[in-house]
PDB file of all heavy atoms in Angstrom:
ATOM      1  N   GLY A   1       0.794  -1.221   0.000  1.00  0.00           N
ATOM      2  CA  GLY A   1       0.000   0.000   0.000  1.00  0.00           C
ATOM      3  C   GLY A   1       0.826   1.271   0.000  1.00  0.00           C
ATOM      4  O   GLY A   1       0.347   2.337   0.402  1.00  0.00           O
ATOM      5  N   VAL A   2       2.082   1.164  -0.455  1.00  0.00           N
ATOM      6  CA  VAL A   2       2.990   2.309  -0.468  1.00  0.00           C
ATOM      7  C   VAL A   2       3.338   2.669  -1.911  1.00  0.00           C
ATOM      8  O   VAL A   2       3.642   1.795  -2.719  1.00  0.00           O
ATOM      9  CB  VAL A   2       4.286   2.005   0.317  1.00  0.00           C
ATOM     10  CG1 VAL A   2       5.289   3.138   0.165  1.00  0.00           C
ATOM     11  CG2 VAL A   2       3.966   1.782   1.793  1.00  0.00           C
ATOM     12  N   THR A   3       3.274   3.948  -2.232  1.00  0.00           N
ATOM     13  CA  THR A   3       3.686   4.455  -3.541  1.00  0.00           C
ATOM     14  C   THR A   3       4.875   5.381  -3.353  1.00  0.00           C
ATOM     15  O   THR A   3       4.874   6.227  -2.451  1.00  0.00           O
ATOM     16  CB  THR A   3       2.541   5.219  -4.227  1.00  0.00           C
ATOM     17  OG1 THR A   3       1.424   4.345  -4.401  1.00  0.00           O
ATOM     18  CG2 THR A   3       2.972   5.740  -5.591  1.00  0.00           C
ATOM     19  N   LEU A   4       5.892   5.224  -4.184  1.00  0.00           N
ATOM     20  CA  LEU A   4       7.107   6.026  -4.107  1.00  0.00           C
ATOM     21  C   LEU A   4       7.133   7.008  -5.278  1.00  0.00           C
ATOM     22  O   LEU A   4       7.048   6.595  -6.433  1.00  0.00           O
ATOM     23  CB  LEU A   4       8.319   5.097  -4.154  1.00  0.00           C
ATOM     24  CG  LEU A   4       9.705   5.730  -4.047  1.00  0.00           C
ATOM     25  CD1 LEU A   4       9.880   6.409  -2.701  1.00  0.00           C
ATOM     26  CD2 LEU A   4      10.784   4.654  -4.251  1.00  0.00           C
ATOM     27  N   LEU A   5       7.242   8.281  -4.965  1.00  0.00           N
ATOM     28  CA  LEU A   5       7.260   9.304  -6.004  1.00  0.00           C
ATOM     29  C   LEU A   5       8.681   9.803  -6.249  1.00  0.00           C
ATOM     30  O   LEU A   5       9.360  10.255  -5.314  1.00  0.00           O
ATOM     31  CB  LEU A   5       6.378  10.503  -5.606  1.00  0.00           C
ATOM     32  CG  LEU A   5       4.908  10.223  -5.305  1.00  0.00           C
ATOM     33  CD1 LEU A   5       4.156  11.546  -5.096  1.00  0.00           C
ATOM     34  CD2 LEU A   5       4.249   9.406  -6.409  1.00  0.00           C
ATOM     35  N   HIS A   6       9.108   9.727  -7.485  1.00  0.00           N
ATOM     36  CA  HIS A   6      10.364  10.358  -7.881  1.00  0.00           C
ATOM     37  C   HIS A   6      10.173  11.866  -7.806  1.00  0.00           C
ATOM     38  O   HIS A   6       9.130  12.401  -8.211  1.00  0.00           O
ATOM     39  CB  HIS A   6      10.741   9.929  -9.299  1.00  0.00           C
ATOM     40  CG  HIS A   6      11.855  10.711  -9.895  1.00  0.00           C
ATOM     41  ND1 HIS A   6      12.992  11.064  -9.196  1.00  0.00           N
ATOM     42  CD2 HIS A   6      12.005  11.241 -11.157  1.00  0.00           C
ATOM     43  CE1 HIS A   6      13.791  11.756  -9.983  1.00  0.00           C
ATOM     44  NE2 HIS A   6      13.223  11.877 -11.163  1.00  0.00           N
ATOM     45  N   CYS A   7      11.173  12.562  -7.300  1.00  0.00           N
ATOM     46  CA  CYS A   7      11.030  14.009  -7.100  1.00  0.00           C
ATOM     47  C   CYS A   7      12.407  14.653  -7.118  1.00  0.00           C
ATOM     48  O   CYS A   7      13.389  14.067  -6.656  1.00  0.00           O
ATOM     49  CB  CYS A   7      10.349  14.263  -5.743  1.00  0.00           C
ATOM     50  SG  CYS A   7      10.185  16.001  -5.292  1.00  0.00           S
ATOM     51  N   VAL A   8      12.485  15.850  -7.672  1.00  0.00           N
ATOM     52  CA  VAL A   8      13.668  16.699  -7.541  1.00  0.00           C
ATOM     53  C   VAL A   8      13.256  17.880  -6.678  1.00  0.00           C
ATOM     54  O   VAL A   8      12.392  18.675  -7.059  1.00  0.00           O
ATOM     55  CB  VAL A   8      14.191  17.181  -8.912  1.00  0.00           C
ATOM     56  CG1 VAL A   8      15.327  18.184  -8.734  1.00  0.00           C
ATOM     57  CG2 VAL A   8      14.653  15.993  -9.749  1.00  0.00           C
ATOM     58  N   THR A   9      13.853  17.989  -5.491  1.00  0.00           N
ATOM     59  CA  THR A   9      13.456  19.015  -4.536  1.00  0.00           C
ATOM     60  C   THR A   9      14.175  20.317  -4.858  1.00  0.00           C
ATOM     61  O   THR A   9      15.197  20.671  -4.257  1.00  0.00           O
ATOM     62  CB  THR A   9      13.745  18.560  -3.095  1.00  0.00           C
ATOM     63  OG1 THR A   9      13.090  17.310  -2.887  1.00  0.00           O
ATOM     64  CG2 THR A   9      13.186  19.562  -2.086  1.00  0.00           C
ATOM     65  N   SER A  10      13.633  21.010  -5.822  1.00  0.00           N
ATOM     66  CA  SER A  10      14.119  22.321  -6.223  1.00  0.00           C
ATOM     67  C   SER A  10      12.927  23.070  -6.805  1.00  0.00           C
ATOM     68  O   SER A  10      12.067  22.467  -7.441  1.00  0.00           O
ATOM     69  CB  SER A  10      15.231  22.187  -7.270  1.00  0.00           C
ATOM     70  OG  SER A  10      15.707  23.448  -7.677  1.00  0.00           O
ATOM     71  N   TYR A  11      12.854  24.386  -6.551  1.00  0.00           N
ATOM     72  CA  TYR A  11      11.668  25.161  -6.930  1.00  0.00           C
ATOM     73  C   TYR A  11      12.071  26.377  -7.751  1.00  0.00           C
ATOM     74  O   TYR A  11      12.495  27.377  -7.179  1.00  0.00           O
ATOM     75  CB  TYR A  11      10.919  25.600  -5.666  1.00  0.00           C
ATOM     76  CG  TYR A  11      10.512  24.445  -4.792  1.00  0.00           C
ATOM     77  CD1 TYR A  11      11.400  23.912  -3.868  1.00  0.00           C
ATOM     78  CD2 TYR A  11       9.257  23.870  -4.896  1.00  0.00           C
ATOM     79  CE1 TYR A  11      11.035  22.833  -3.073  1.00  0.00           C
ATOM     80  CE2 TYR A  11       8.880  22.802  -4.107  1.00  0.00           C
ATOM     81  CZ  TYR A  11       9.780  22.289  -3.194  1.00  0.00           C
ATOM     82  OH  TYR A  11       9.413  21.224  -2.404  1.00  0.00           O
ATOM     83  N   PRO A  12      11.968  26.280  -9.094  1.00  0.00           N
ATOM     84  CA  PRO A  12      11.497  25.134  -9.870  1.00  0.00           C
ATOM     85  C   PRO A  12      12.602  24.090 -10.051  1.00  0.00           C
ATOM     86  O   PRO A  12      13.788  24.381  -9.853  1.00  0.00           O
ATOM     87  CB  PRO A  12      11.123  25.765 -11.206  1.00  0.00           C
ATOM     88  CG  PRO A  12      12.081  26.915 -11.345  1.00  0.00           C
ATOM     89  CD  PRO A  12      12.261  27.450  -9.946  1.00  0.00           C
ATOM     90  N   ALA A  13      12.189  22.890 -10.461  1.00  0.00           N
ATOM     91  CA  ALA A  13      13.149  21.830 -10.758  1.00  0.00           C
ATOM     92  C   ALA A  13      13.584  21.972 -12.215  1.00  0.00           C
ATOM     93  O   ALA A  13      12.739  21.975 -13.113  1.00  0.00           O
ATOM     94  CB  ALA A  13      12.514  20.465 -10.530  1.00  0.00           C
ATOM     95  N   PRO A  14      14.880  22.100 -12.478  1.00  0.00           N
ATOM     96  CA  PRO A  14      15.332  22.187 -13.876  1.00  0.00           C
ATOM     97  C   PRO A  14      14.938  20.909 -14.615  1.00  0.00           C
ATOM     98  O   PRO A  14      15.269  19.806 -14.173  1.00  0.00           O
ATOM     99  CB  PRO A  14      16.855  22.307 -13.753  1.00  0.00           C
ATOM    100  CG  PRO A  14      17.095  22.779 -12.345  1.00  0.00           C
ATOM    101  CD  PRO A  14      16.010  22.175 -11.527  1.00  0.00           C
ATOM    102  N   GLU A  15      14.232  21.040 -15.717  1.00  0.00           N
ATOM    103  CA  GLU A  15      13.712  19.848 -16.400  1.00  0.00           C
ATOM    104  C   GLU A  15      14.822  18.925 -16.867  1.00  0.00           C
ATOM    105  O   GLU A  15      14.657  17.699 -16.903  1.00  0.00           O
ATOM    106  CB  GLU A  15      12.802  20.239 -17.557  1.00  0.00           C
ATOM    107  CG  GLU A  15      13.473  21.005 -18.671  1.00  0.00           C
ATOM    108  CD  GLU A  15      12.503  21.373 -19.791  1.00  0.00           C
ATOM    109  OE1 GLU A  15      11.331  21.694 -19.514  1.00  0.00           O
ATOM    110  OE2 GLU A  15      12.935  21.343 -20.953  1.00  0.00           O
ATOM    111  N   GLU A  16      15.990  19.485 -17.202  1.00  0.00           N
ATOM    112  CA  GLU A  16      17.088  18.631 -17.682  1.00  0.00           C
ATOM    113  C   GLU A  16      17.689  17.785 -16.552  1.00  0.00           C
ATOM    114  O   GLU A  16      18.484  16.885 -16.803  1.00  0.00           O
ATOM    115  CB  GLU A  16      18.183  19.469 -18.334  1.00  0.00           C
ATOM    116  CG  GLU A  16      18.939  20.399 -17.415  1.00  0.00           C
ATOM    117  CD  GLU A  16      18.247  21.742 -17.197  1.00  0.00           C
ATOM    118  OE1 GLU A  16      17.081  21.893 -17.622  1.00  0.00           O
ATOM    119  OE2 GLU A  16      18.895  22.640 -16.629  1.00  0.00           O
ATOM    120  N   GLU A  17      17.301  18.068 -15.294  1.00  0.00           N
ATOM    121  CA  GLU A  17      17.773  17.282 -14.150  1.00  0.00           C
ATOM    122  C   GLU A  17      16.702  16.317 -13.644  1.00  0.00           C
ATOM    123  O   GLU A  17      16.925  15.620 -12.649  1.00  0.00           O
ATOM    124  CB  GLU A  17      18.210  18.211 -13.014  1.00  0.00           C
ATOM    125  CG  GLU A  17      19.395  19.095 -13.369  1.00  0.00           C
ATOM    126  CD  GLU A  17      19.810  20.017 -12.233  1.00  0.00           C
ATOM    127  OE1 GLU A  17      19.384  19.762 -11.081  1.00  0.00           O
ATOM    128  OE2 GLU A  17      20.549  20.985 -12.484  1.00  0.00           O
ATOM    129  N   CYS A  18      15.562  16.240 -14.326  1.00  0.00           N
ATOM    130  CA  CYS A  18      14.435  15.482 -13.795  1.00  0.00           C
ATOM    131  C   CYS A  18      14.600  13.966 -13.886  1.00  0.00           C
ATOM    132  O   CYS A  18      13.949  13.232 -13.149  1.00  0.00           O
ATOM    133  CB  CYS A  18      13.137  15.927 -14.472  1.00  0.00           C
ATOM    134  SG  CYS A  18      12.551  17.524 -13.850  1.00  0.00           S
ATOM    135  N   ASN A  19      15.415  13.478 -14.837  1.00  0.00           N
ATOM    136  CA  ASN A  19      15.786  12.061 -14.849  1.00  0.00           C
ATOM    137  C   ASN A  19      14.553  11.153 -14.811  1.00  0.00           C
ATOM    138  O   ASN A  19      14.406  10.295 -13.927  1.00  0.00           O
ATOM    139  CB  ASN A  19      16.710  11.770 -13.657  1.00  0.00           C
ATOM    140  CG  ASN A  19      17.463  10.456 -13.789  1.00  0.00           C
ATOM    141  OD1 ASN A  19      17.394   9.777 -14.823  1.00  0.00           O
ATOM    142  ND2 ASN A  19      18.162  10.071 -12.743  1.00  0.00           N
ATOM    143  N   ALA A  20      13.669  11.319 -15.784  1.00  0.00           N
ATOM    144  CA  ALA A  20      12.383  10.603 -15.775  1.00  0.00           C
ATOM    145  C   ALA A  20      12.548   9.085 -15.793  1.00  0.00           C
ATOM    146  O   ALA A  20      11.678   8.363 -15.292  1.00  0.00           O
ATOM    147  CB  ALA A  20      11.542  11.051 -16.977  1.00  0.00           C
ATOM    148  N   ARG A  21      13.638   8.584 -16.354  1.00  0.00           N
ATOM    149  CA  ARG A  21      13.856   7.127 -16.373  1.00  0.00           C
ATOM    150  C   ARG A  21      13.949   6.540 -14.962  1.00  0.00           C
ATOM    151  O   ARG A  21      13.773   5.342 -14.763  1.00  0.00           O
ATOM    152  CB  ARG A  21      15.129   6.791 -17.151  1.00  0.00           C
ATOM    153  CG  ARG A  21      14.990   6.906 -18.672  1.00  0.00           C
ATOM    154  CD  ARG A  21      16.174   6.263 -19.378  1.00  0.00           C
ATOM    155  NE  ARG A  21      16.003   6.252 -20.826  1.00  0.00           N
ATOM    156  CZ  ARG A  21      16.524   7.154 -21.661  1.00  0.00           C
ATOM    157  NH1 ARG A  21      17.274   8.145 -21.164  1.00  0.00           N
ATOM    158  NH2 ARG A  21      16.317   7.073 -22.961  1.00  0.00           N
ATOM    159  N   LEU A  22      14.211   7.398 -13.982  1.00  0.00           N
ATOM    160  CA  LEU A  22      14.340   6.923 -12.610  1.00  0.00           C
ATOM    161  C   LEU A  22      13.024   6.350 -12.084  1.00  0.00           C
ATOM    162  O   LEU A  22      13.030   5.503 -11.179  1.00  0.00           O
ATOM    163  CB  LEU A  22      14.830   8.061 -11.705  1.00  0.00           C
ATOM    164  CG  LEU A  22      15.257   7.695 -10.290  1.00  0.00           C
ATOM    165  CD1 LEU A  22      16.272   6.561 -10.289  1.00  0.00           C
ATOM    166  CD2 LEU A  22      15.831   8.917  -9.590  1.00  0.00           C
ATOM    167  N   VAL A  23      11.892   6.780 -12.638  1.00  0.00           N
ATOM    168  CA  VAL A  23      10.597   6.221 -12.240  1.00  0.00           C
ATOM    169  C   VAL A  23      10.605   4.705 -12.421  1.00  0.00           C
ATOM    170  O   VAL A  23      10.189   3.945 -11.539  1.00  0.00           O
ATOM    171  CB  VAL A  23       9.453   6.859 -13.061  1.00  0.00           C
ATOM    172  CG1 VAL A  23       8.149   6.105 -12.848  1.00  0.00           C
ATOM    173  CG2 VAL A  23       9.285   8.329 -12.680  1.00  0.00           C
ATOM    174  N   SER A  24      11.091   4.261 -13.564  1.00  0.00           N
ATOM    175  CA  SER A  24      11.180   2.825 -13.844  1.00  0.00           C
ATOM    176  C   SER A  24      12.226   2.151 -12.973  1.00  0.00           C
ATOM    177  O   SER A  24      12.010   1.048 -12.448  1.00  0.00           O
ATOM    178  CB  SER A  24      11.509   2.607 -15.320  1.00  0.00           C
ATOM    179  OG  SER A  24      11.676   1.244 -15.613  1.00  0.00           O
TER     180      SER A  24
END
């Protein structure tokens, strides 16, 4: 019952640092 969210803690988060493949 736990979901893990990938996140870059920066406001705003630079999109080139978002590393979307990390979700997988």
